[in-house]
Amino acid sequence: MRILAIDLGGTNVKFLLTGAAAPRRFPSGPTLQPAQMVEKLHEATADWEFDCVTIGYPGPVVHNRILLEPRNLGRGWVGFDFAAAFGKPTRIINDAAMQALGSYEGGRMLFLGLGTGLGTTFIIDKTIAPMELAHLPYRKEMTFEDYVGERGLERLGNKKWQRAVHDVSLRLKAALVADYVVIGGGNSKKLEELPPGARLGDNANAFIGGFRFWQEYA
């Protein structure tokens, strides 16, 4: 089965085919609509043949349905028929959950994606549970995301931000009784030291998760 895994971000759309040597990409941005994305993907994958598609979407997804329009892209994503547009079976998963699935090594794993915001996913014995922990209250009438997302990094500076990441990781690990934490996302590389019980993820794991979503969760 040849799977096209798509990691849909606010800056770029990145995609990889099973067996391909390297991912490809094109810019996204605040005006990108789903029909435009599909058209650009068709152009960029004209030499790739695939049987099905996984889309990692930057927002809540339930039962293969997008619930909210994205913050950093154009409109029209809710209700869009991707399977019809691609002409292939298509599954949609939250983007943090897709990277989490690609990072999973069994047991109870908490994934924290440090980027513009905070992506959170809990995988319990192979059951994927995308979560919206980012907007829960944390300190001084601010949320977890306000401290460990991009806004927190800019407001606190690197050292205080890193302390906040350690504290949030330990709190959520304890609350969910997680065996381990994987910290991914673009800002994870700015951590000089990882919290206890945590390991570093890799953005490339999003593609592994996109493949696994068909191979192990079909």
N, C-alpha and C. Protein backbone atom coordinates (compact mmCIF):
# COMPACT_ATOMS: atom_id res chain seq x y z
N MET A 1 0.85 -1.20 0.00
CA MET A 1 0.00 0.00 0.00
C MET A 1 0.88 1.24 0.00
N ARG A 2 0.69 2.11 -0.97
CA ARG A 2 1.47 3.34 -1.08
C ARG A 2 0.67 4.48 -0.46
N ILE A 3 1.26 5.08 0.57
CA ILE A 3 0.57 6.08 1.37
C ILE A 3 1.22 7.44 1.18
N LEU A 4 0.42 8.45 0.93
CA LEU A 4 0.89 9.83 0.88
C LEU A 4 0.57 10.47 2.22
N ALA A 5 1.60 10.83 2.98
CA ALA A 5 1.42 11.49 4.28
C ALA A 5 1.68 12.97 4.11
N ILE A 6 0.70 13.79 4.58
CA ILE A 6 0.76 15.25 4.41
C ILE A 6 0.80 15.90 5.79
N ASP A 7 1.81 16.72 6.03
CA ASP A 7 1.92 17.48 7.27
C ASP A 7 1.58 18.94 6.93
N LEU A 8 0.39 19.35 7.32
CA LEU A 8 -0.15 20.65 6.93
C LEU A 8 0.18 21.69 7.98
N GLY A 9 1.10 22.61 7.66
CA GLY A 9 1.51 23.63 8.61
C GLY A 9 1.15 25.02 8.15
N GLY A 10 1.32 25.98 9.05
CA GLY A 10 0.99 27.36 8.73
C GLY A 10 1.99 28.03 7.81
N THR A 11 3.20 27.46 7.71
CA THR A 11 4.24 28.00 6.85
C THR A 11 4.44 27.18 5.58
N ASN A 12 4.44 25.86 5.75
CA ASN A 12 4.66 24.95 4.62
C ASN A 12 3.71 23.77 4.69
N VAL A 13 3.43 23.20 3.53
CA VAL A 13 2.80 21.88 3.42
C VAL A 13 3.91 20.92 3.03
N LYS A 14 4.17 19.95 3.90
CA LYS A 14 5.22 18.96 3.65
C LYS A 14 4.58 17.60 3.42
N PHE A 15 5.13 16.81 2.53
CA PHE A 15 4.49 15.54 2.20
C PHE A 15 5.54 14.52 1.75
N LEU A 16 5.22 13.25 2.02
CA LEU A 16 6.14 12.16 1.72
C LEU A 16 5.35 10.93 1.33
N LEU A 17 5.85 10.21 0.36
CA LEU A 17 5.26 8.94 -0.10
C LEU A 17 6.06 7.79 0.48
N THR A 18 5.39 6.73 0.88
CA THR A 18 6.11 5.56 1.36
C THR A 18 7.10 5.11 0.29
N GLY A 19 8.34 4.93 0.72
CA GLY A 19 9.39 4.48 -0.19
C GLY A 19 10.13 5.59 -0.91
N ALA A 20 9.63 6.84 -0.81
CA ALA A 20 10.31 7.96 -1.47
C ALA A 20 11.56 8.35 -0.69
N ALA A 21 12.53 8.93 -1.39
CA ALA A 21 13.82 9.23 -0.76
C ALA A 21 13.74 10.39 0.21
N ALA A 22 12.91 11.39 -0.08
CA ALA A 22 12.87 12.59 0.75
C ALA A 22 11.51 13.27 0.62
N PRO A 23 11.09 13.99 1.66
CA PRO A 23 9.82 14.72 1.57
C PRO A 23 9.93 15.90 0.61
N ARG A 24 8.77 16.37 0.17
CA ARG A 24 8.68 17.57 -0.64
C ARG A 24 7.83 18.58 0.10
N ARG A 25 7.81 19.83 -0.39
CA ARG A 25 7.06 20.87 0.28
C ARG A 25 6.70 22.00 -0.67
N PHE A 26 5.71 22.79 -0.25
CA PHE A 26 5.44 24.08 -0.89
C PHE A 26 4.88 25.00 0.18
N PRO A 27 4.97 26.32 -0.01
CA PRO A 27 4.51 27.26 1.02
C PRO A 27 2.99 27.16 1.22
N SER A 28 2.56 27.41 2.45
CA SER A 28 1.12 27.45 2.75
C SER A 28 0.72 28.91 3.00
N GLY A 29 0.44 29.29 4.24
CA GLY A 29 0.14 30.69 4.54
C GLY A 29 -1.32 30.97 4.78
N PRO A 30 -1.66 32.18 5.19
CA PRO A 30 -3.01 32.51 5.67
C PRO A 30 -4.09 32.57 4.61
N THR A 31 -3.74 32.42 3.33
CA THR A 31 -4.78 32.44 2.30
C THR A 31 -5.00 31.05 1.68
N LEU A 32 -4.24 30.05 2.11
CA LEU A 32 -4.34 28.73 1.49
C LEU A 32 -5.66 28.05 1.85
N GLN A 33 -6.42 27.69 0.83
CA GLN A 33 -7.68 26.97 1.01
C GLN A 33 -7.49 25.51 0.59
N PRO A 34 -8.38 24.63 1.04
CA PRO A 34 -8.15 23.20 0.80
C PRO A 34 -8.11 22.81 -0.68
N ALA A 35 -8.96 23.40 -1.50
CA ALA A 35 -8.94 23.06 -2.93
C ALA A 35 -7.60 23.45 -3.56
N GLN A 36 -7.06 24.60 -3.14
CA GLN A 36 -5.76 25.04 -3.64
C GLN A 36 -4.66 24.07 -3.20
N MET A 37 -4.75 23.61 -1.94
CA MET A 37 -3.75 22.67 -1.43
C MET A 37 -3.76 21.39 -2.25
N VAL A 38 -4.95 20.86 -2.50
CA VAL A 38 -5.05 19.62 -3.26
C VAL A 38 -4.51 19.80 -4.67
N GLU A 39 -4.83 20.92 -5.30
CA GLU A 39 -4.34 21.19 -6.65
C GLU A 39 -2.81 21.26 -6.68
N LYS A 40 -2.22 21.95 -5.70
CA LYS A 40 -0.76 22.05 -5.64
C LYS A 40 -0.12 20.69 -5.36
N LEU A 41 -0.78 19.89 -4.54
CA LEU A 41 -0.25 18.56 -4.25
C LEU A 41 -0.27 17.68 -5.49
N HIS A 42 -1.36 17.76 -6.24
CA HIS A 42 -1.42 16.99 -7.49
C HIS A 42 -0.26 17.37 -8.42
N GLU A 43 0.02 18.66 -8.49
CA GLU A 43 1.12 19.12 -9.35
C GLU A 43 2.47 18.63 -8.83
N ALA A 44 2.64 18.71 -7.50
CA ALA A 44 3.94 18.37 -6.91
C ALA A 44 4.18 16.87 -6.82
N THR A 45 3.12 16.07 -6.99
CA THR A 45 3.28 14.60 -6.89
C THR A 45 2.89 13.92 -8.20
N ALA A 46 3.03 14.63 -9.30
CA ALA A 46 2.63 14.06 -10.60
C ALA A 46 3.39 12.78 -10.92
N ASP A 47 4.60 12.63 -10.39
CA ASP A 47 5.40 11.43 -10.65
C ASP A 47 5.28 10.40 -9.53
N TRP A 48 4.39 10.64 -8.56
CA TRP A 48 4.17 9.69 -7.47
C TRP A 48 2.80 9.03 -7.65
N GLU A 49 2.75 7.73 -7.47
CA GLU A 49 1.48 7.00 -7.45
C GLU A 49 1.20 6.55 -6.03
N PHE A 50 0.00 6.86 -5.55
CA PHE A 50 -0.35 6.48 -4.18
C PHE A 50 -1.76 5.92 -4.13
N ASP A 51 -2.01 5.09 -3.09
CA ASP A 51 -3.30 4.42 -2.94
C ASP A 51 -4.22 5.11 -1.94
N CYS A 52 -3.64 5.82 -0.98
CA CYS A 52 -4.44 6.48 0.05
C CYS A 52 -3.64 7.64 0.64
N VAL A 53 -4.33 8.46 1.44
CA VAL A 53 -3.76 9.71 1.93
C VAL A 53 -4.02 9.86 3.42
N THR A 54 -3.00 10.36 4.15
CA THR A 54 -3.19 10.81 5.53
C THR A 54 -2.87 12.30 5.59
N ILE A 55 -3.74 13.08 6.22
CA ILE A 55 -3.51 14.51 6.40
C ILE A 55 -3.38 14.81 7.88
N GLY A 56 -2.25 15.40 8.28
CA GLY A 56 -2.08 15.91 9.63
C GLY A 56 -2.54 17.36 9.66
N TYR A 57 -3.65 17.62 10.34
CA TYR A 57 -4.33 18.92 10.29
C TYR A 57 -4.09 19.72 11.57
N PRO A 58 -3.78 21.02 11.47
CA PRO A 58 -3.48 21.84 12.67
C PRO A 58 -4.74 22.34 13.38
N GLY A 59 -5.48 21.40 13.94
CA GLY A 59 -6.71 21.73 14.64
C GLY A 59 -7.40 20.45 15.08
N PRO A 60 -8.51 20.57 15.81
CA PRO A 60 -9.20 19.39 16.31
C PRO A 60 -9.87 18.58 15.20
N VAL A 61 -9.72 17.27 15.28
CA VAL A 61 -10.31 16.33 14.32
C VAL A 61 -10.96 15.20 15.12
N VAL A 62 -12.21 14.89 14.81
CA VAL A 62 -12.92 13.80 15.48
C VAL A 62 -13.59 12.94 14.42
N HIS A 63 -13.33 11.62 14.48
CA HIS A 63 -13.92 10.68 13.54
C HIS A 63 -13.73 11.11 12.09
N ASN A 64 -12.50 11.50 11.78
CA ASN A 64 -12.12 11.88 10.41
C ASN A 64 -12.78 13.17 9.94
N ARG A 65 -13.28 13.97 10.87
CA ARG A 65 -13.94 15.23 10.54
C ARG A 65 -13.21 16.39 11.19
N ILE A 66 -12.89 17.42 10.39
CA ILE A 66 -12.30 18.65 10.91
C ILE A 66 -13.39 19.45 11.63
N LEU A 67 -13.11 19.85 12.87
CA LEU A 67 -14.13 20.53 13.67
C LEU A 67 -14.06 22.05 13.57
N LEU A 68 -12.85 22.61 13.41
CA LEU A 68 -12.69 24.07 13.41
C LEU A 68 -11.78 24.50 12.27
N GLU A 69 -12.02 25.68 11.77
CA GLU A 69 -11.13 26.24 10.75
C GLU A 69 -9.76 26.51 11.38
N PRO A 70 -8.67 26.40 10.62
CA PRO A 70 -7.33 26.62 11.16
C PRO A 70 -7.06 28.09 11.42
N ARG A 71 -6.15 28.37 12.36
CA ARG A 71 -5.82 29.75 12.70
C ARG A 71 -4.93 30.40 11.65
N ASN A 72 -4.05 29.61 11.04
CA ASN A 72 -2.99 30.19 10.20
C ASN A 72 -3.14 29.88 8.72
N LEU A 73 -4.32 29.41 8.31
CA LEU A 73 -4.57 29.12 6.89
C LEU A 73 -5.84 29.82 6.46
N GLY A 74 -6.24 29.63 5.19
CA GLY A 74 -7.47 30.21 4.69
C GLY A 74 -8.70 29.48 5.23
N ARG A 75 -9.84 29.79 4.68
CA ARG A 75 -11.11 29.20 5.14
C ARG A 75 -11.52 28.03 4.24
N GLY A 76 -12.54 27.29 4.69
CA GLY A 76 -13.15 26.26 3.87
C GLY A 76 -12.74 24.84 4.20
N TRP A 77 -12.01 24.64 5.28
CA TRP A 77 -11.50 23.31 5.63
C TRP A 77 -12.58 22.43 6.26
N VAL A 78 -13.43 23.03 7.08
CA VAL A 78 -14.50 22.26 7.71
C VAL A 78 -15.48 21.80 6.64
N GLY A 79 -15.72 20.50 6.58
CA GLY A 79 -16.67 19.93 5.63
C GLY A 79 -16.10 19.66 4.24
N PHE A 80 -14.86 20.01 3.99
CA PHE A 80 -14.28 19.77 2.66
C PHE A 80 -14.10 18.26 2.45
N ASP A 81 -14.45 17.78 1.26
CA ASP A 81 -14.39 16.34 0.95
C ASP A 81 -13.04 16.03 0.31
N PHE A 82 -12.06 15.69 1.16
CA PHE A 82 -10.71 15.41 0.66
C PHE A 82 -10.66 14.13 -0.15
N ALA A 83 -11.43 13.12 0.24
CA ALA A 83 -11.42 11.85 -0.50
C ALA A 83 -11.88 12.07 -1.94
N ALA A 84 -12.91 12.89 -2.12
CA ALA A 84 -13.38 13.18 -3.47
C ALA A 84 -12.36 14.01 -4.24
N ALA A 85 -11.72 14.97 -3.55
CA ALA A 85 -10.76 15.84 -4.21
C ALA A 85 -9.51 15.08 -4.65
N PHE A 86 -9.04 14.17 -3.82
CA PHE A 86 -7.88 13.37 -4.18
C PHE A 86 -8.24 12.17 -5.06
N GLY A 87 -9.50 11.75 -4.99
CA GLY A 87 -9.89 10.53 -5.68
C GLY A 87 -9.30 9.30 -5.04
N LYS A 88 -8.96 9.40 -3.75
CA LYS A 88 -8.34 8.31 -2.99
C LYS A 88 -8.93 8.28 -1.58
N PRO A 89 -8.96 7.12 -0.94
CA PRO A 89 -9.35 7.10 0.48
C PRO A 89 -8.43 8.01 1.29
N THR A 90 -9.03 8.85 2.13
CA THR A 90 -8.26 9.85 2.87
C THR A 90 -8.67 9.82 4.34
N ARG A 91 -7.66 9.84 5.20
CA ARG A 91 -7.90 9.90 6.64
C ARG A 91 -7.25 11.17 7.18
N ILE A 92 -7.94 11.83 8.12
CA ILE A 92 -7.47 13.09 8.69
C ILE A 92 -7.22 12.88 10.18
N ILE A 93 -6.11 13.41 10.66
CA ILE A 93 -5.74 13.30 12.06
C ILE A 93 -5.12 14.63 12.49
N ASN A 94 -5.27 14.98 13.74
CA ASN A 94 -4.60 16.18 14.24
C ASN A 94 -3.09 16.08 14.00
N ASP A 95 -2.45 17.20 13.65
CA ASP A 95 -1.03 17.13 13.27
C ASP A 95 -0.13 16.70 14.42
N ALA A 96 -0.44 17.16 15.66
CA ALA A 96 0.35 16.72 16.80
C ALA A 96 0.15 15.22 17.05
N ALA A 97 -1.07 14.74 16.84
CA ALA A 97 -1.34 13.31 17.01
C ALA A 97 -0.59 12.49 15.97
N MET A 98 -0.46 13.01 14.76
CA MET A 98 0.26 12.27 13.72
C MET A 98 1.74 12.16 14.08
N GLN A 99 2.34 13.26 14.56
CA GLN A 99 3.74 13.19 14.97
C GLN A 99 3.90 12.31 16.21
N ALA A 100 2.92 12.37 17.12
CA ALA A 100 2.96 11.52 18.30
C ALA A 100 2.94 10.04 17.92
N LEU A 101 2.07 9.69 17.00
CA LEU A 101 1.97 8.30 16.56
C LEU A 101 3.29 7.82 15.96
N GLY A 102 3.97 8.70 15.23
CA GLY A 102 5.26 8.34 14.66
C GLY A 102 6.36 8.22 15.69
N SER A 103 6.14 8.79 16.89
CA SER A 103 7.14 8.77 17.96
C SER A 103 6.87 7.65 18.97
N TYR A 104 5.75 6.98 18.86
CA TYR A 104 5.27 6.07 19.90
C TYR A 104 6.08 4.78 19.96
N GLU A 105 6.42 4.40 21.19
CA GLU A 105 7.18 3.16 21.41
C GLU A 105 6.52 2.27 22.45
N GLY A 106 5.20 2.34 22.54
CA GLY A 106 4.46 1.48 23.45
C GLY A 106 4.14 2.14 24.78
N GLY A 107 3.22 1.51 25.53
CA GLY A 107 2.86 2.00 26.86
C GLY A 107 2.01 3.26 26.82
N ARG A 108 2.22 4.11 27.82
CA ARG A 108 1.46 5.35 27.99
C ARG A 108 2.38 6.52 27.67
N MET A 109 2.19 7.14 26.52
CA MET A 109 3.08 8.20 26.07
C MET A 109 2.34 9.53 25.95
N LEU A 110 2.92 10.58 26.54
CA LEU A 110 2.42 11.93 26.37
C LEU A 110 3.31 12.65 25.37
N PHE A 111 2.70 13.24 24.35
CA PHE A 111 3.44 14.02 23.36
C PHE A 111 3.13 15.50 23.55
N LEU A 112 4.19 16.32 23.61
CA LEU A 112 4.06 17.77 23.69
C LEU A 112 4.74 18.38 22.48
N GLY A 113 3.99 19.09 21.67
CA GLY A 113 4.54 19.74 20.48
C GLY A 113 4.74 21.22 20.73
N LEU A 114 6.00 21.64 20.81
CA LEU A 114 6.33 23.05 21.10
C LEU A 114 6.51 23.80 19.80
N GLY A 115 5.55 24.62 19.47
CA GLY A 115 5.62 25.42 18.24
C GLY A 115 4.98 26.76 18.48
N THR A 116 4.18 27.21 17.51
CA THR A 116 3.43 28.44 17.70
C THR A 116 2.57 28.34 18.95
N GLY A 117 1.95 27.20 19.13
CA GLY A 117 1.17 26.93 20.33
C GLY A 117 1.74 25.72 21.05
N LEU A 118 0.86 24.92 21.62
CA LEU A 118 1.24 23.68 22.30
C LEU A 118 0.31 22.57 21.84
N GLY A 119 0.86 21.61 21.10
CA GLY A 119 0.08 20.44 20.68
C GLY A 119 0.24 19.33 21.68
N THR A 120 -0.86 18.66 22.03
CA THR A 120 -0.80 17.59 23.04
C THR A 120 -1.57 16.37 22.57
N THR A 121 -0.96 15.21 22.75
CA THR A 121 -1.60 13.94 22.43
C THR A 121 -1.17 12.92 23.46
N PHE A 122 -2.09 12.05 23.85
CA PHE A 122 -1.80 10.96 24.77
C PHE A 122 -2.11 9.65 24.04
N ILE A 123 -1.16 8.74 24.03
CA ILE A 123 -1.38 7.42 23.43
C ILE A 123 -1.30 6.39 24.54
N ILE A 124 -2.38 5.64 24.70
CA ILE A 124 -2.50 4.68 25.80
C ILE A 124 -2.61 3.29 25.20
N ASP A 125 -1.54 2.51 25.27
CA ASP A 125 -1.55 1.14 24.73
C ASP A 125 -2.14 1.12 23.32
N LYS A 126 -1.60 1.96 22.46
CA LYS A 126 -1.94 2.07 21.04
C LYS A 126 -3.24 2.80 20.75
N THR A 127 -3.95 3.27 21.78
CA THR A 127 -5.15 4.07 21.56
C THR A 127 -4.75 5.55 21.53
N ILE A 128 -5.07 6.21 20.41
CA ILE A 128 -4.66 7.60 20.23
C ILE A 128 -5.73 8.52 20.82
N ALA A 129 -5.30 9.41 21.71
CA ALA A 129 -6.22 10.36 22.34
C ALA A 129 -5.70 11.78 22.14
N PRO A 130 -6.06 12.43 21.01
CA PRO A 130 -5.69 13.84 20.85
C PRO A 130 -6.32 14.67 21.97
N MET A 131 -5.57 15.61 22.52
CA MET A 131 -6.05 16.38 23.66
C MET A 131 -5.90 17.87 23.39
N GLU A 132 -6.69 18.67 24.12
CA GLU A 132 -6.62 20.13 24.01
C GLU A 132 -6.22 20.69 25.37
N LEU A 133 -5.04 20.28 25.85
CA LEU A 133 -4.55 20.72 27.15
C LEU A 133 -3.97 22.13 27.11
N ALA A 134 -3.63 22.58 25.91
CA ALA A 134 -2.91 23.86 25.77
C ALA A 134 -3.65 25.03 26.39
N HIS A 135 -4.98 25.00 26.37
CA HIS A 135 -5.76 26.16 26.78
C HIS A 135 -6.29 26.05 28.21
N LEU A 136 -5.82 25.04 28.95
CA LEU A 136 -6.19 24.94 30.36
C LEU A 136 -5.44 26.00 31.16
N PRO A 137 -6.04 26.51 32.24
CA PRO A 137 -5.36 27.53 33.05
C PRO A 137 -4.12 26.97 33.72
N TYR A 138 -3.08 27.80 33.77
CA TYR A 138 -1.80 27.37 34.34
C TYR A 138 -1.36 28.33 35.45
N ARG A 139 -0.95 29.55 35.09
CA ARG A 139 -0.48 30.52 36.09
C ARG A 139 -0.94 31.93 35.70
N LYS A 140 -1.20 32.75 36.72
CA LYS A 140 -1.49 34.18 36.52
C LYS A 140 -2.54 34.41 35.43
N GLU A 141 -3.60 33.60 35.50
CA GLU A 141 -4.71 33.69 34.54
C GLU A 141 -4.25 33.44 33.10
N MET A 142 -3.15 32.74 32.95
CA MET A 142 -2.65 32.35 31.63
C MET A 142 -2.69 30.83 31.50
N THR A 143 -2.61 30.37 30.26
CA THR A 143 -2.71 28.95 29.97
C THR A 143 -1.34 28.30 29.82
N PHE A 144 -1.33 26.98 29.70
CA PHE A 144 -0.09 26.27 29.41
C PHE A 144 0.54 26.81 28.13
N GLU A 145 -0.28 27.03 27.12
CA GLU A 145 0.23 27.52 25.84
C GLU A 145 0.85 28.91 25.97
N ASP A 146 0.27 29.75 26.83
CA ASP A 146 0.81 31.09 27.03
C ASP A 146 2.23 31.06 27.58
N TYR A 147 2.58 29.98 28.25
CA TYR A 147 3.91 29.86 28.85
C TYR A 147 4.89 29.11 27.96
N VAL A 148 4.46 28.03 27.32
CA VAL A 148 5.44 27.19 26.60
C VAL A 148 5.31 27.29 25.08
N GLY A 149 4.31 28.00 24.58
CA GLY A 149 4.21 28.26 23.15
C GLY A 149 5.13 29.40 22.74
N GLU A 150 5.01 29.82 21.50
CA GLU A 150 5.88 30.86 20.96
C GLU A 150 5.74 32.17 21.74
N ARG A 151 4.52 32.50 22.15
CA ARG A 151 4.31 33.73 22.92
C ARG A 151 5.07 33.69 24.24
N GLY A 152 5.07 32.52 24.87
CA GLY A 152 5.78 32.38 26.13
C GLY A 152 7.28 32.52 25.96
N LEU A 153 7.81 31.95 24.90
CA LEU A 153 9.24 32.06 24.63
C LEU A 153 9.65 33.52 24.43
N GLU A 154 8.82 34.26 23.69
CA GLU A 154 9.13 35.67 23.43
C GLU A 154 9.00 36.51 24.70
N ARG A 155 8.01 36.20 25.53
CA ARG A 155 7.77 37.00 26.73
C ARG A 155 8.77 36.68 27.85
N LEU A 156 9.08 35.39 28.02
CA LEU A 156 9.89 34.97 29.15
C LEU A 156 11.38 34.97 28.88
N GLY A 157 11.76 34.81 27.63
CA GLY A 157 13.17 34.60 27.33
C GLY A 157 13.49 33.12 27.45
N ASN A 158 14.62 32.70 26.88
CA ASN A 158 14.91 31.28 26.75
C ASN A 158 15.01 30.54 28.08
N LYS A 159 15.70 31.11 29.07
CA LYS A 159 15.93 30.38 30.32
C LYS A 159 14.63 30.15 31.09
N LYS A 160 13.82 31.21 31.25
CA LYS A 160 12.56 31.06 31.98
C LYS A 160 11.59 30.18 31.19
N TRP A 161 11.63 30.29 29.87
CA TRP A 161 10.77 29.43 29.03
C TRP A 161 11.13 27.97 29.23
N GLN A 162 12.42 27.66 29.28
CA GLN A 162 12.84 26.28 29.48
C GLN A 162 12.39 25.75 30.84
N ARG A 163 12.45 26.60 31.86
CA ARG A 163 11.96 26.17 33.18
C ARG A 163 10.46 25.88 33.13
N ALA A 164 9.73 26.71 32.38
CA ALA A 164 8.29 26.48 32.23
C ALA A 164 8.02 25.17 31.50
N VAL A 165 8.79 24.88 30.46
CA VAL A 165 8.62 23.63 29.72
C VAL A 165 8.86 22.43 30.66
N HIS A 166 9.90 22.49 31.48
CA HIS A 166 10.18 21.41 32.43
C HIS A 166 9.02 21.24 33.39
N ASP A 167 8.52 22.35 33.93
CA ASP A 167 7.43 22.27 34.91
C ASP A 167 6.16 21.72 34.28
N VAL A 168 5.81 22.21 33.10
CA VAL A 168 4.59 21.74 32.43
C VAL A 168 4.71 20.27 32.08
N SER A 169 5.87 19.85 31.58
CA SER A 169 6.07 18.45 31.24
C SER A 169 5.89 17.55 32.46
N LEU A 170 6.50 17.93 33.58
CA LEU A 170 6.41 17.11 34.79
C LEU A 170 4.99 17.08 35.34
N ARG A 171 4.30 18.23 35.31
CA ARG A 171 2.92 18.28 35.82
C ARG A 171 1.99 17.38 35.00
N LEU A 172 2.08 17.51 33.67
CA LEU A 172 1.17 16.74 32.82
C LEU A 172 1.53 15.26 32.82
N LYS A 173 2.81 14.94 32.90
CA LYS A 173 3.22 13.53 33.00
C LYS A 173 2.64 12.89 34.25
N ALA A 174 2.72 13.62 35.37
CA ALA A 174 2.18 13.10 36.62
C ALA A 174 0.65 12.99 36.57
N ALA A 175 0.00 14.01 36.03
CA ALA A 175 -1.47 14.02 35.98
C ALA A 175 -2.03 12.87 35.15
N LEU A 176 -1.33 12.52 34.06
CA LEU A 176 -1.81 11.48 33.15
C LEU A 176 -1.17 10.12 33.42
N VAL A 177 -0.30 10.07 34.42
CA VAL A 177 0.41 8.83 34.77
C VAL A 177 1.09 8.26 33.52
N ALA A 178 1.77 9.12 32.79
CA ALA A 178 2.45 8.70 31.56
C ALA A 178 3.75 7.98 31.90
N ASP A 179 4.09 7.00 31.08
CA ASP A 179 5.37 6.30 31.24
C ASP A 179 6.53 7.18 30.79
N TYR A 180 6.29 7.98 29.77
CA TYR A 180 7.34 8.85 29.24
C TYR A 180 6.70 9.97 28.44
N VAL A 181 7.50 11.01 28.18
CA VAL A 181 7.05 12.17 27.42
C VAL A 181 7.96 12.31 26.20
N VAL A 182 7.35 12.60 25.06
CA VAL A 182 8.11 12.96 23.87
C VAL A 182 7.85 14.42 23.57
N ILE A 183 8.92 15.20 23.43
CA ILE A 183 8.79 16.63 23.16
C ILE A 183 9.23 16.90 21.73
N GLY A 184 8.30 17.34 20.92
CA GLY A 184 8.57 17.63 19.51
C GLY A 184 8.19 19.05 19.17
N GLY A 185 8.02 19.32 17.89
CA GLY A 185 7.71 20.67 17.44
C GLY A 185 8.97 21.46 17.17
N GLY A 186 8.81 22.55 16.44
CA GLY A 186 9.95 23.33 15.99
C GLY A 186 10.80 23.92 17.10
N ASN A 187 10.18 24.27 18.25
CA ASN A 187 10.94 24.89 19.33
C ASN A 187 11.59 23.89 20.28
N SER A 188 11.33 22.61 20.07
CA SER A 188 11.94 21.61 20.95
C SER A 188 13.46 21.63 20.88
N LYS A 189 14.00 22.02 19.73
CA LYS A 189 15.46 22.05 19.56
C LYS A 189 16.11 23.17 20.36
N LYS A 190 15.31 24.08 20.90
CA LYS A 190 15.87 25.18 21.70
C LYS A 190 16.07 24.79 23.16
N LEU A 191 15.63 23.58 23.52
CA LEU A 191 15.83 23.11 24.88
C LEU A 191 17.27 22.66 25.07
N GLU A 192 17.93 23.22 26.07
CA GLU A 192 19.31 22.83 26.36
C GLU A 192 19.35 21.53 27.16
N GLU A 193 18.30 21.27 27.90
CA GLU A 193 18.21 20.05 28.72
C GLU A 193 16.76 19.60 28.72
N LEU A 194 16.55 18.30 28.62
CA LEU A 194 15.19 17.76 28.60
C LEU A 194 14.68 17.51 30.01
N PRO A 195 13.37 17.63 30.21
CA PRO A 195 12.81 17.30 31.53
C PRO A 195 13.03 15.83 31.85
N PRO A 196 13.06 15.47 33.14
CA PRO A 196 13.17 14.06 33.50
C PRO A 196 12.03 13.24 32.89
N GLY A 197 12.37 12.06 32.38
CA GLY A 197 11.36 11.19 31.80
C GLY A 197 10.93 11.58 30.41
N ALA A 198 11.67 12.49 29.77
CA ALA A 198 11.30 12.96 28.43
C ALA A 198 12.42 12.65 27.44
N ARG A 199 12.04 12.49 26.19
CA ARG A 199 13.01 12.38 25.11
C ARG A 199 12.58 13.31 23.97
N LEU A 200 13.54 13.63 23.12
CA LEU A 200 13.29 14.56 22.03
C LEU A 200 12.64 13.85 20.85
N GLY A 201 11.62 14.46 20.27
CA GLY A 201 11.00 13.93 19.07
C GLY A 201 11.69 14.48 17.83
N ASP A 202 11.06 14.24 16.69
CA ASP A 202 11.59 14.69 15.41
C ASP A 202 10.42 14.99 14.49
N ASN A 203 10.45 16.14 13.82
CA ASN A 203 9.34 16.50 12.93
C ASN A 203 9.13 15.45 11.84
N ALA A 204 10.21 14.74 11.46
CA ALA A 204 10.08 13.70 10.44
C ALA A 204 9.21 12.55 10.90
N ASN A 205 9.01 12.42 12.22
CA ASN A 205 8.15 11.36 12.74
C ASN A 205 6.70 11.55 12.33
N ALA A 206 6.34 12.77 11.92
CA ALA A 206 4.98 13.00 11.44
C ALA A 206 4.67 12.10 10.25
N PHE A 207 5.63 11.91 9.37
CA PHE A 207 5.40 11.05 8.20
C PHE A 207 5.27 9.59 8.61
N ILE A 208 6.10 9.17 9.57
CA ILE A 208 5.98 7.80 10.09
C ILE A 208 4.59 7.59 10.66
N GLY A 209 4.09 8.60 11.40
CA GLY A 209 2.74 8.52 11.95
C GLY A 209 1.69 8.45 10.86
N GLY A 210 1.88 9.22 9.80
CA GLY A 210 0.93 9.18 8.67
C GLY A 210 0.88 7.81 8.02
N PHE A 211 2.02 7.15 7.93
CA PHE A 211 2.05 5.80 7.36
C PHE A 211 1.42 4.79 8.33
N ARG A 212 1.79 4.90 9.60
CA ARG A 212 1.26 3.96 10.61
C ARG A 212 -0.27 4.05 10.72
N PHE A 213 -0.81 5.25 10.49
CA PHE A 213 -2.25 5.45 10.65
C PHE A 213 -3.04 4.53 9.72
N TRP A 214 -2.50 4.22 8.56
CA TRP A 214 -3.12 3.25 7.66
C TRP A 214 -2.64 1.83 7.94
N GLN A 215 -1.36 1.68 8.22
CA GLN A 215 -0.79 0.33 8.35
C GLN A 215 -1.23 -0.38 9.61
N GLU A 216 -1.41 0.38 10.72
CA GLU A 216 -1.69 -0.24 12.01
C GLU A 216 -3.05 0.13 12.59
N TYR A 217 -3.71 1.14 12.03
CA TYR A 217 -4.97 1.63 12.61
C TYR A 217 -6.10 1.66 11.58
N ALA A 218 -5.95 0.92 10.49
CA ALA A 218 -6.97 0.90 9.45
C ALA A 218 -8.23 0.19 9.93
